[in-house]
Amino acid sequence: MLEGKWFLERLSGKSIMFVGDSLSLNQWQSLTCMLHRSVPDETYTSTRTGGLSTFTFRSFNVKVMFPRNAFLVDIVRTTEGRVLELDSIESGKTWKGIDVLIFNSWHWWLHIGRKQPWDLIRDENAIVEDMDRSVAYGKTLETWANWVDSNGHPAKTVFFLGISPDHMKCP
């Protein structure tokens, strides 16, 4: 059982950010809910600015954040259509300065048709209609790892989960 007050006290003045797909959204919602339930009289704010949702526990000065970014890399609109940029993480500007970063991506990489939010993929200088999703994801993870190496800080913590845990064999 999560000792929410203890957790918030330990993280006083810090920020946590869940970056990624719908699994990250679920993790963000779960943590904010569990923390709020543990300190129900705590004053909080819940805001959404653009694609960034922030839940702040005011007296602890703890922020739990979620920016919408299912693929970690950027999708940009061009005259050719929506382009998934495998080597671009401009959205990483939002992640800078965060104390605990939790990344999660993979689930939406398999979607095709209407659920696929891009029309083209840019791989370095080549633009293609599609490619092996495992290869594209691997290139994305290289871009992401380079971002972490370039922007990480020894006092910061970074976690990564690529696939949701399997609950099929639970008792």
N, C-alpha and C. Protein backbone atom coordinates (compact mmCIF):
# COMPACT_ATOMS: atom_id res chain seq x y z
N MET A 1 0.85 -1.19 0.00
CA MET A 1 0.00 0.00 0.00
C MET A 1 0.89 1.25 0.00
N LEU A 2 0.55 2.19 -0.83
CA LEU A 2 1.31 3.41 -0.94
C LEU A 2 1.07 4.30 0.27
N GLU A 3 2.14 4.69 0.92
CA GLU A 3 2.07 5.67 2.01
C GLU A 3 2.21 7.04 1.38
N GLY A 4 1.09 7.58 0.91
CA GLY A 4 1.10 8.80 0.12
C GLY A 4 1.68 10.00 0.81
N LYS A 5 1.36 10.21 2.08
CA LYS A 5 1.88 11.37 2.79
C LYS A 5 3.40 11.27 2.91
N TRP A 6 3.90 10.10 3.25
CA TRP A 6 5.34 9.86 3.34
C TRP A 6 5.99 10.14 1.98
N PHE A 7 5.38 9.64 0.91
CA PHE A 7 5.87 9.83 -0.45
C PHE A 7 5.96 11.32 -0.78
N LEU A 8 4.89 12.07 -0.50
CA LEU A 8 4.87 13.49 -0.79
C LEU A 8 5.89 14.26 0.05
N GLU A 9 6.05 13.87 1.30
CA GLU A 9 7.06 14.52 2.15
C GLU A 9 8.46 14.31 1.58
N ARG A 10 8.76 13.11 1.13
CA ARG A 10 10.09 12.80 0.56
C ARG A 10 10.35 13.54 -0.74
N LEU A 11 9.28 13.81 -1.49
CA LEU A 11 9.42 14.49 -2.78
C LEU A 11 9.15 15.99 -2.70
N SER A 12 9.09 16.54 -1.52
CA SER A 12 8.78 17.95 -1.36
C SER A 12 9.67 18.82 -2.25
N GLY A 13 9.03 19.69 -3.01
CA GLY A 13 9.75 20.59 -3.90
C GLY A 13 10.16 19.97 -5.22
N LYS A 14 9.71 18.76 -5.49
CA LYS A 14 10.14 18.04 -6.69
C LYS A 14 8.99 17.88 -7.69
N SER A 15 9.36 17.43 -8.88
CA SER A 15 8.37 17.17 -9.92
C SER A 15 8.59 15.79 -10.51
N ILE A 16 7.48 15.13 -10.84
CA ILE A 16 7.48 13.82 -11.47
C ILE A 16 6.74 13.97 -12.79
N MET A 17 7.28 13.38 -13.84
CA MET A 17 6.60 13.47 -15.12
C MET A 17 6.52 12.09 -15.78
N PHE A 18 5.31 11.71 -16.18
CA PHE A 18 5.08 10.49 -16.95
C PHE A 18 5.00 10.91 -18.42
N VAL A 19 5.91 10.41 -19.25
CA VAL A 19 5.96 10.77 -20.66
C VAL A 19 5.67 9.53 -21.48
N GLY A 20 4.75 9.64 -22.42
CA GLY A 20 4.52 8.50 -23.29
C GLY A 20 3.07 8.34 -23.71
N ASP A 21 2.68 7.10 -23.85
CA ASP A 21 1.38 6.76 -24.42
C ASP A 21 0.30 6.66 -23.36
N SER A 22 -0.79 5.98 -23.72
CA SER A 22 -1.94 5.88 -22.82
C SER A 22 -1.60 5.13 -21.53
N LEU A 23 -0.60 4.27 -21.56
CA LEU A 23 -0.19 3.61 -20.33
C LEU A 23 0.41 4.62 -19.36
N SER A 24 1.15 5.59 -19.88
CA SER A 24 1.68 6.67 -19.04
C SER A 24 0.54 7.51 -18.47
N LEU A 25 -0.46 7.77 -19.29
CA LEU A 25 -1.64 8.50 -18.81
C LEU A 25 -2.28 7.75 -17.65
N ASN A 26 -2.45 6.45 -17.81
CA ASN A 26 -3.05 5.65 -16.73
C ASN A 26 -2.19 5.67 -15.47
N GLN A 27 -0.87 5.61 -15.63
CA GLN A 27 0.02 5.65 -14.47
C GLN A 27 -0.07 7.01 -13.78
N TRP A 28 -0.12 8.09 -14.57
CA TRP A 28 -0.24 9.43 -14.02
C TRP A 28 -1.55 9.56 -13.24
N GLN A 29 -2.65 9.10 -13.85
CA GLN A 29 -3.95 9.17 -13.18
C GLN A 29 -3.94 8.35 -11.89
N SER A 30 -3.37 7.16 -11.94
CA SER A 30 -3.34 6.30 -10.76
C SER A 30 -2.54 6.93 -9.62
N LEU A 31 -1.36 7.46 -9.95
CA LEU A 31 -0.54 8.05 -8.88
C LEU A 31 -1.22 9.27 -8.29
N THR A 32 -1.76 10.15 -9.12
CA THR A 32 -2.41 11.34 -8.56
C THR A 32 -3.61 10.95 -7.71
N CYS A 33 -4.35 9.95 -8.13
CA CYS A 33 -5.51 9.49 -7.36
C CYS A 33 -5.08 8.89 -6.02
N MET A 34 -4.07 8.01 -6.05
CA MET A 34 -3.60 7.39 -4.80
C MET A 34 -3.05 8.44 -3.84
N LEU A 35 -2.30 9.41 -4.36
CA LEU A 35 -1.75 10.45 -3.49
C LEU A 35 -2.86 11.33 -2.92
N HIS A 36 -3.81 11.69 -3.77
CA HIS A 36 -4.92 12.52 -3.28
C HIS A 36 -5.74 11.80 -2.20
N ARG A 37 -5.97 10.52 -2.40
CA ARG A 37 -6.73 9.73 -1.41
C ARG A 37 -5.98 9.63 -0.09
N SER A 38 -4.65 9.68 -0.13
CA SER A 38 -3.87 9.56 1.10
C SER A 38 -3.83 10.87 1.88
N VAL A 39 -4.08 12.00 1.23
CA VAL A 39 -4.13 13.30 1.89
C VAL A 39 -5.36 14.06 1.38
N PRO A 40 -6.57 13.56 1.71
CA PRO A 40 -7.79 14.10 1.11
C PRO A 40 -8.06 15.57 1.43
N ASP A 41 -7.51 16.10 2.51
CA ASP A 41 -7.75 17.49 2.86
C ASP A 41 -6.70 18.43 2.27
N GLU A 42 -5.74 17.87 1.56
CA GLU A 42 -4.68 18.65 0.94
C GLU A 42 -5.23 19.53 -0.17
N THR A 43 -4.77 20.78 -0.20
CA THR A 43 -5.14 21.68 -1.28
C THR A 43 -4.32 21.32 -2.51
N TYR A 44 -4.99 21.22 -3.64
CA TYR A 44 -4.30 20.87 -4.87
C TYR A 44 -4.82 21.72 -6.02
N THR A 45 -4.05 21.75 -7.08
CA THR A 45 -4.51 22.35 -8.33
C THR A 45 -4.34 21.31 -9.42
N SER A 46 -5.23 21.33 -10.37
CA SER A 46 -5.15 20.46 -11.53
C SER A 46 -5.33 21.36 -12.75
N THR A 47 -4.28 21.42 -13.59
CA THR A 47 -4.33 22.30 -14.75
C THR A 47 -3.95 21.54 -16.01
N ARG A 48 -4.40 22.08 -17.13
CA ARG A 48 -3.97 21.55 -18.43
C ARG A 48 -3.67 22.75 -19.32
N THR A 49 -2.43 22.81 -19.74
CA THR A 49 -1.99 23.87 -20.63
C THR A 49 -1.45 23.21 -21.89
N GLY A 50 -2.16 23.42 -22.99
CA GLY A 50 -1.79 22.71 -24.21
C GLY A 50 -1.94 21.22 -23.96
N GLY A 51 -0.89 20.46 -24.21
CA GLY A 51 -0.94 19.02 -23.98
C GLY A 51 -0.35 18.60 -22.64
N LEU A 52 -0.07 19.55 -21.74
CA LEU A 52 0.55 19.23 -20.46
C LEU A 52 -0.46 19.31 -19.32
N SER A 53 -0.67 18.17 -18.65
CA SER A 53 -1.53 18.12 -17.47
C SER A 53 -0.65 18.11 -16.23
N THR A 54 -0.99 18.95 -15.25
CA THR A 54 -0.20 19.06 -14.03
C THR A 54 -1.12 19.00 -12.82
N PHE A 55 -0.82 18.11 -11.90
CA PHE A 55 -1.54 17.98 -10.63
C PHE A 55 -0.53 18.38 -9.57
N THR A 56 -0.81 19.46 -8.81
CA THR A 56 0.12 19.99 -7.82
C THR A 56 -0.45 19.86 -6.42
N PHE A 57 0.32 19.26 -5.55
CA PHE A 57 0.00 19.19 -4.12
C PHE A 57 0.68 20.40 -3.49
N ARG A 58 -0.10 21.45 -3.22
CA ARG A 58 0.45 22.77 -2.92
C ARG A 58 1.30 22.81 -1.66
N SER A 59 0.86 22.27 -0.55
CA SER A 59 1.65 22.42 0.68
C SER A 59 2.93 21.58 0.65
N PHE A 60 2.97 20.56 -0.21
CA PHE A 60 4.18 19.75 -0.37
C PHE A 60 5.04 20.28 -1.53
N ASN A 61 4.44 21.15 -2.35
CA ASN A 61 5.11 21.66 -3.55
C ASN A 61 5.60 20.52 -4.44
N VAL A 62 4.72 19.55 -4.66
CA VAL A 62 5.01 18.40 -5.52
C VAL A 62 4.10 18.47 -6.73
N LYS A 63 4.73 18.35 -7.91
CA LYS A 63 3.97 18.34 -9.16
C LYS A 63 4.07 16.96 -9.78
N VAL A 64 2.92 16.44 -10.22
CA VAL A 64 2.86 15.18 -10.97
C VAL A 64 2.30 15.56 -12.33
N MET A 65 3.09 15.31 -13.39
CA MET A 65 2.80 15.87 -14.70
C MET A 65 2.69 14.79 -15.77
N PHE A 66 1.93 15.13 -16.82
CA PHE A 66 1.79 14.24 -17.98
C PHE A 66 1.65 15.06 -19.25
N PRO A 67 2.69 15.06 -20.11
CA PRO A 67 2.55 15.68 -21.43
C PRO A 67 2.13 14.61 -22.44
N ARG A 68 1.21 14.91 -23.30
CA ARG A 68 0.77 13.93 -24.29
C ARG A 68 1.82 13.78 -25.39
N ASN A 69 2.42 12.60 -25.45
CA ASN A 69 3.45 12.30 -26.45
C ASN A 69 3.62 10.79 -26.52
N ALA A 70 2.80 10.14 -27.31
CA ALA A 70 2.77 8.68 -27.34
C ALA A 70 4.00 8.05 -27.98
N PHE A 71 4.74 8.83 -28.78
CA PHE A 71 5.83 8.23 -29.56
C PHE A 71 7.21 8.70 -29.14
N LEU A 72 7.30 9.58 -28.15
CA LEU A 72 8.53 10.18 -27.65
C LEU A 72 9.15 11.14 -28.65
N VAL A 73 9.23 10.77 -29.92
CA VAL A 73 9.74 11.67 -30.94
C VAL A 73 8.60 12.54 -31.47
N ASP A 74 8.94 13.49 -32.33
CA ASP A 74 7.96 14.48 -32.79
C ASP A 74 7.16 14.02 -34.00
N ILE A 75 5.93 14.49 -34.05
CA ILE A 75 5.11 14.40 -35.26
C ILE A 75 4.88 15.85 -35.68
N VAL A 76 5.31 16.18 -36.89
CA VAL A 76 5.16 17.55 -37.37
C VAL A 76 4.25 17.58 -38.58
N ARG A 77 3.52 18.69 -38.70
CA ARG A 77 2.64 18.88 -39.85
C ARG A 77 3.43 19.60 -40.94
N THR A 78 3.40 19.03 -42.14
CA THR A 78 4.06 19.63 -43.29
C THR A 78 3.06 19.68 -44.44
N THR A 79 3.47 20.23 -45.55
CA THR A 79 2.60 20.25 -46.72
C THR A 79 2.36 18.84 -47.25
N GLU A 80 3.27 17.92 -46.91
CA GLU A 80 3.13 16.52 -47.35
C GLU A 80 2.21 15.72 -46.43
N GLY A 81 1.93 16.25 -45.24
CA GLY A 81 1.10 15.54 -44.26
C GLY A 81 1.77 15.52 -42.90
N ARG A 82 1.28 14.66 -42.03
CA ARG A 82 1.84 14.52 -40.69
C ARG A 82 3.04 13.57 -40.78
N VAL A 83 4.20 14.07 -40.31
CA VAL A 83 5.44 13.32 -40.46
C VAL A 83 5.98 12.93 -39.09
N LEU A 84 6.17 11.64 -38.88
CA LEU A 84 6.81 11.13 -37.67
C LEU A 84 8.31 11.28 -37.86
N GLU A 85 8.94 12.12 -37.04
CA GLU A 85 10.37 12.43 -37.16
C GLU A 85 11.16 11.55 -36.20
N LEU A 86 11.81 10.51 -36.71
CA LEU A 86 12.49 9.55 -35.85
C LEU A 86 13.72 10.10 -35.14
N ASP A 87 14.23 11.23 -35.60
CA ASP A 87 15.44 11.77 -34.98
C ASP A 87 15.23 13.16 -34.37
N SER A 88 13.99 13.47 -33.99
CA SER A 88 13.68 14.79 -33.44
C SER A 88 12.86 14.67 -32.16
N ILE A 89 13.36 15.33 -31.11
CA ILE A 89 12.61 15.38 -29.85
C ILE A 89 12.55 16.83 -29.38
N GLU A 90 11.89 17.67 -30.17
CA GLU A 90 11.69 19.06 -29.75
C GLU A 90 10.81 19.11 -28.50
N SER A 91 9.89 18.15 -28.40
CA SER A 91 9.00 18.11 -27.23
C SER A 91 9.77 17.84 -25.95
N GLY A 92 11.02 17.40 -26.06
CA GLY A 92 11.85 17.16 -24.88
C GLY A 92 12.13 18.42 -24.08
N LYS A 93 11.88 19.58 -24.66
CA LYS A 93 12.04 20.83 -23.90
C LYS A 93 11.16 20.82 -22.65
N THR A 94 10.00 20.19 -22.77
CA THR A 94 9.07 20.10 -21.64
C THR A 94 9.62 19.23 -20.52
N TRP A 95 10.49 18.28 -20.86
CA TRP A 95 11.01 17.32 -19.89
C TRP A 95 12.18 17.87 -19.07
N LYS A 96 12.80 18.94 -19.57
CA LYS A 96 13.98 19.48 -18.90
C LYS A 96 13.64 20.01 -17.52
N GLY A 97 14.51 19.76 -16.57
CA GLY A 97 14.34 20.27 -15.22
C GLY A 97 13.43 19.42 -14.34
N ILE A 98 12.90 18.34 -14.87
CA ILE A 98 12.02 17.47 -14.09
C ILE A 98 12.89 16.53 -13.24
N ASP A 99 12.49 16.31 -12.00
CA ASP A 99 13.30 15.50 -11.08
C ASP A 99 13.20 14.00 -11.35
N VAL A 100 12.00 13.52 -11.65
CA VAL A 100 11.80 12.09 -11.93
C VAL A 100 11.05 11.99 -13.25
N LEU A 101 11.66 11.36 -14.23
CA LEU A 101 11.04 11.15 -15.54
C LEU A 101 10.74 9.67 -15.72
N ILE A 102 9.50 9.36 -16.08
CA ILE A 102 9.08 7.99 -16.32
C ILE A 102 8.58 7.93 -17.76
N PHE A 103 9.28 7.20 -18.60
CA PHE A 103 8.95 7.11 -20.01
C PHE A 103 8.29 5.77 -20.31
N ASN A 104 7.34 5.80 -21.23
CA ASN A 104 6.65 4.59 -21.62
C ASN A 104 6.21 4.76 -23.07
N SER A 105 6.60 3.83 -23.91
CA SER A 105 6.19 3.91 -25.32
C SER A 105 6.29 2.52 -25.92
N TRP A 106 5.40 2.22 -26.80
CA TRP A 106 5.40 1.05 -27.68
C TRP A 106 3.99 0.76 -28.15
N HIS A 107 3.03 0.78 -27.26
CA HIS A 107 1.67 0.36 -27.55
C HIS A 107 1.12 0.95 -28.85
N TRP A 108 1.22 2.25 -29.04
CA TRP A 108 0.62 2.91 -30.20
C TRP A 108 1.43 2.75 -31.47
N TRP A 109 2.64 2.22 -31.37
CA TRP A 109 3.47 2.04 -32.56
C TRP A 109 2.88 1.00 -33.51
N LEU A 110 2.04 0.13 -33.02
CA LEU A 110 1.50 -0.95 -33.84
C LEU A 110 0.22 -0.57 -34.57
N HIS A 111 -0.37 0.59 -34.24
CA HIS A 111 -1.63 0.98 -34.86
C HIS A 111 -1.44 1.41 -36.31
N ILE A 112 -2.42 1.05 -37.11
CA ILE A 112 -2.40 1.43 -38.52
C ILE A 112 -3.75 2.05 -38.86
N GLY A 113 -3.86 2.58 -40.06
CA GLY A 113 -5.14 3.13 -40.51
C GLY A 113 -5.53 4.37 -39.74
N ARG A 114 -6.80 4.49 -39.37
CA ARG A 114 -7.33 5.68 -38.69
C ARG A 114 -6.64 5.97 -37.37
N LYS A 115 -6.17 4.94 -36.69
CA LYS A 115 -5.56 5.15 -35.37
C LYS A 115 -4.08 5.54 -35.46
N GLN A 116 -3.53 5.53 -36.65
CA GLN A 116 -2.13 5.92 -36.85
C GLN A 116 -2.09 7.44 -37.02
N PRO A 117 -1.43 8.17 -36.14
CA PRO A 117 -1.49 9.63 -36.20
C PRO A 117 -0.48 10.29 -37.14
N TRP A 118 0.18 9.54 -37.99
CA TRP A 118 1.09 10.13 -38.96
C TRP A 118 0.81 9.56 -40.34
N ASP A 119 1.25 10.31 -41.35
CA ASP A 119 1.08 9.89 -42.74
C ASP A 119 2.39 9.37 -43.33
N LEU A 120 3.50 9.94 -42.85
CA LEU A 120 4.83 9.61 -43.37
C LEU A 120 5.81 9.48 -42.21
N ILE A 121 6.93 8.84 -42.49
CA ILE A 121 8.00 8.71 -41.50
C ILE A 121 9.28 9.29 -42.09
N ARG A 122 9.93 10.17 -41.32
CA ARG A 122 11.23 10.68 -41.75
C ARG A 122 12.29 9.92 -40.97
N ASP A 123 13.16 9.24 -41.72
CA ASP A 123 14.28 8.50 -41.17
C ASP A 123 15.54 9.16 -41.70
N GLU A 124 16.18 9.98 -40.88
CA GLU A 124 17.28 10.83 -41.29
C GLU A 124 16.79 11.74 -42.42
N ASN A 125 17.32 11.61 -43.63
CA ASN A 125 16.88 12.50 -44.71
C ASN A 125 15.84 11.87 -45.63
N ALA A 126 15.53 10.60 -45.41
CA ALA A 126 14.56 9.91 -46.26
C ALA A 126 13.16 9.99 -45.66
N ILE A 127 12.18 10.20 -46.51
CA ILE A 127 10.78 10.17 -46.09
C ILE A 127 10.13 8.96 -46.74
N VAL A 128 9.52 8.11 -45.91
CA VAL A 128 8.88 6.90 -46.40
C VAL A 128 7.44 6.85 -45.90
N GLU A 129 6.61 6.09 -46.59
CA GLU A 129 5.21 5.95 -46.16
C GLU A 129 5.10 5.07 -44.93
N ASP A 130 5.96 4.06 -44.85
CA ASP A 130 5.93 3.17 -43.69
C ASP A 130 7.25 2.41 -43.63
N MET A 131 7.49 1.76 -42.51
CA MET A 131 8.67 0.92 -42.36
C MET A 131 8.39 -0.06 -41.24
N ASP A 132 9.24 -1.04 -41.10
CA ASP A 132 9.11 -2.01 -40.02
C ASP A 132 9.02 -1.23 -38.71
N ARG A 133 7.94 -1.41 -37.98
CA ARG A 133 7.70 -0.64 -36.76
C ARG A 133 8.77 -0.92 -35.70
N SER A 134 9.29 -2.13 -35.65
CA SER A 134 10.35 -2.44 -34.69
C SER A 134 11.61 -1.65 -35.00
N VAL A 135 11.92 -1.51 -36.27
CA VAL A 135 13.08 -0.72 -36.69
C VAL A 135 12.86 0.75 -36.37
N ALA A 136 11.67 1.26 -36.69
CA ALA A 136 11.35 2.67 -36.40
C ALA A 136 11.41 2.92 -34.89
N TYR A 137 10.89 2.01 -34.11
CA TYR A 137 10.91 2.15 -32.66
C TYR A 137 12.34 2.12 -32.14
N GLY A 138 13.17 1.24 -32.69
CA GLY A 138 14.57 1.17 -32.30
C GLY A 138 15.29 2.49 -32.57
N LYS A 139 15.02 3.10 -33.73
CA LYS A 139 15.63 4.39 -34.05
C LYS A 139 15.13 5.47 -33.10
N THR A 140 13.86 5.39 -32.74
CA THR A 140 13.30 6.33 -31.77
C THR A 140 13.99 6.18 -30.42
N LEU A 141 14.22 4.94 -29.99
CA LEU A 141 14.89 4.74 -28.70
C LEU A 141 16.33 5.25 -28.73
N GLU A 142 16.98 5.17 -29.87
CA GLU A 142 18.33 5.76 -29.99
C GLU A 142 18.25 7.28 -29.82
N THR A 143 17.27 7.90 -30.48
CA THR A 143 17.08 9.35 -30.35
C THR A 143 16.77 9.70 -28.90
N TRP A 144 15.88 8.93 -28.29
CA TRP A 144 15.52 9.17 -26.88
C TRP A 144 16.74 9.01 -25.97
N ALA A 145 17.51 7.95 -26.15
CA ALA A 145 18.69 7.70 -25.31
C ALA A 145 19.70 8.83 -25.46
N ASN A 146 19.87 9.33 -26.69
CA ASN A 146 20.77 10.47 -26.90
C ASN A 146 20.26 11.70 -26.16
N TRP A 147 18.94 11.89 -26.15
CA TRP A 147 18.37 13.02 -25.42
C TRP A 147 18.65 12.86 -23.93
N VAL A 148 18.44 11.67 -23.39
CA VAL A 148 18.69 11.43 -21.97
C VAL A 148 20.17 11.67 -21.64
N ASP A 149 21.07 11.16 -22.49
CA ASP A 149 22.50 11.36 -22.25
C ASP A 149 22.88 12.83 -22.30
N SER A 150 22.29 13.58 -23.21
CA SER A 150 22.62 15.00 -23.38
C SER A 150 21.96 15.90 -22.35
N ASN A 151 20.81 15.50 -21.85
CA ASN A 151 20.03 16.37 -20.97
C ASN A 151 19.86 15.84 -19.56
N GLY A 152 20.36 14.63 -19.33
CA GLY A 152 20.21 14.04 -18.01
C GLY A 152 21.07 14.75 -16.98
N HIS A 153 20.79 14.49 -15.74
CA HIS A 153 21.53 15.09 -14.64
C HIS A 153 21.70 14.00 -13.60
N PRO A 154 22.89 13.88 -13.00
CA PRO A 154 23.12 12.78 -12.05
C PRO A 154 22.13 12.73 -10.89
N ALA A 155 21.58 13.87 -10.51
CA ALA A 155 20.63 13.89 -9.40
C ALA A 155 19.21 13.58 -9.85
N LYS A 156 19.00 13.47 -11.13
CA LYS A 156 17.67 13.17 -11.66
C LYS A 156 17.52 11.67 -11.85
N THR A 157 16.30 11.23 -11.91
CA THR A 157 16.03 9.81 -12.08
C THR A 157 15.19 9.61 -13.34
N VAL A 158 15.60 8.64 -14.16
CA VAL A 158 14.89 8.32 -15.40
C VAL A 158 14.53 6.84 -15.39
N PHE A 159 13.27 6.53 -15.65
CA PHE A 159 12.79 5.15 -15.76
C PHE A 159 12.22 4.98 -17.16
N PHE A 160 12.30 3.77 -17.68
CA PHE A 160 11.69 3.49 -18.99
C PHE A 160 10.97 2.14 -18.93
N LEU A 161 9.76 2.12 -19.46
CA LEU A 161 8.99 0.89 -19.61
C LEU A 161 8.46 0.87 -21.02
N GLY A 162 8.77 -0.16 -21.77
CA GLY A 162 8.36 -0.19 -23.16
C GLY A 162 7.09 -0.96 -23.43
N ILE A 163 6.78 -1.92 -22.60
CA ILE A 163 5.60 -2.75 -22.83
C ILE A 163 4.88 -2.92 -21.51
N SER A 164 3.57 -2.89 -21.54
CA SER A 164 2.78 -3.08 -20.34
C SER A 164 3.01 -4.47 -19.77
N PRO A 165 3.05 -4.58 -18.44
CA PRO A 165 3.22 -5.91 -17.84
C PRO A 165 2.07 -6.84 -18.25
N ASP A 166 2.38 -8.10 -18.35
CA ASP A 166 1.39 -9.11 -18.71
C ASP A 166 0.70 -9.60 -17.45
N HIS A 167 -0.62 -9.48 -17.43
CA HIS A 167 -1.40 -9.91 -16.26
C HIS A 167 -2.18 -11.19 -16.53
N MET A 168 -1.87 -11.85 -17.64
CA MET A 168 -2.65 -13.02 -18.04
C MET A 168 -2.48 -14.21 -17.10
N LYS A 169 -1.35 -14.33 -16.42
CA LYS A 169 -1.10 -15.50 -15.60
C LYS A 169 -1.22 -15.19 -14.11
N CYS A 170 -2.00 -14.16 -13.78
CA CYS A 170 -2.19 -13.84 -12.37
C CYS A 170 -3.06 -14.90 -11.72
N PRO A 171 -2.81 -15.16 -10.45
CA PRO A 171 -3.65 -16.20 -9.76
C PRO A 171 -5.08 -15.76 -9.63
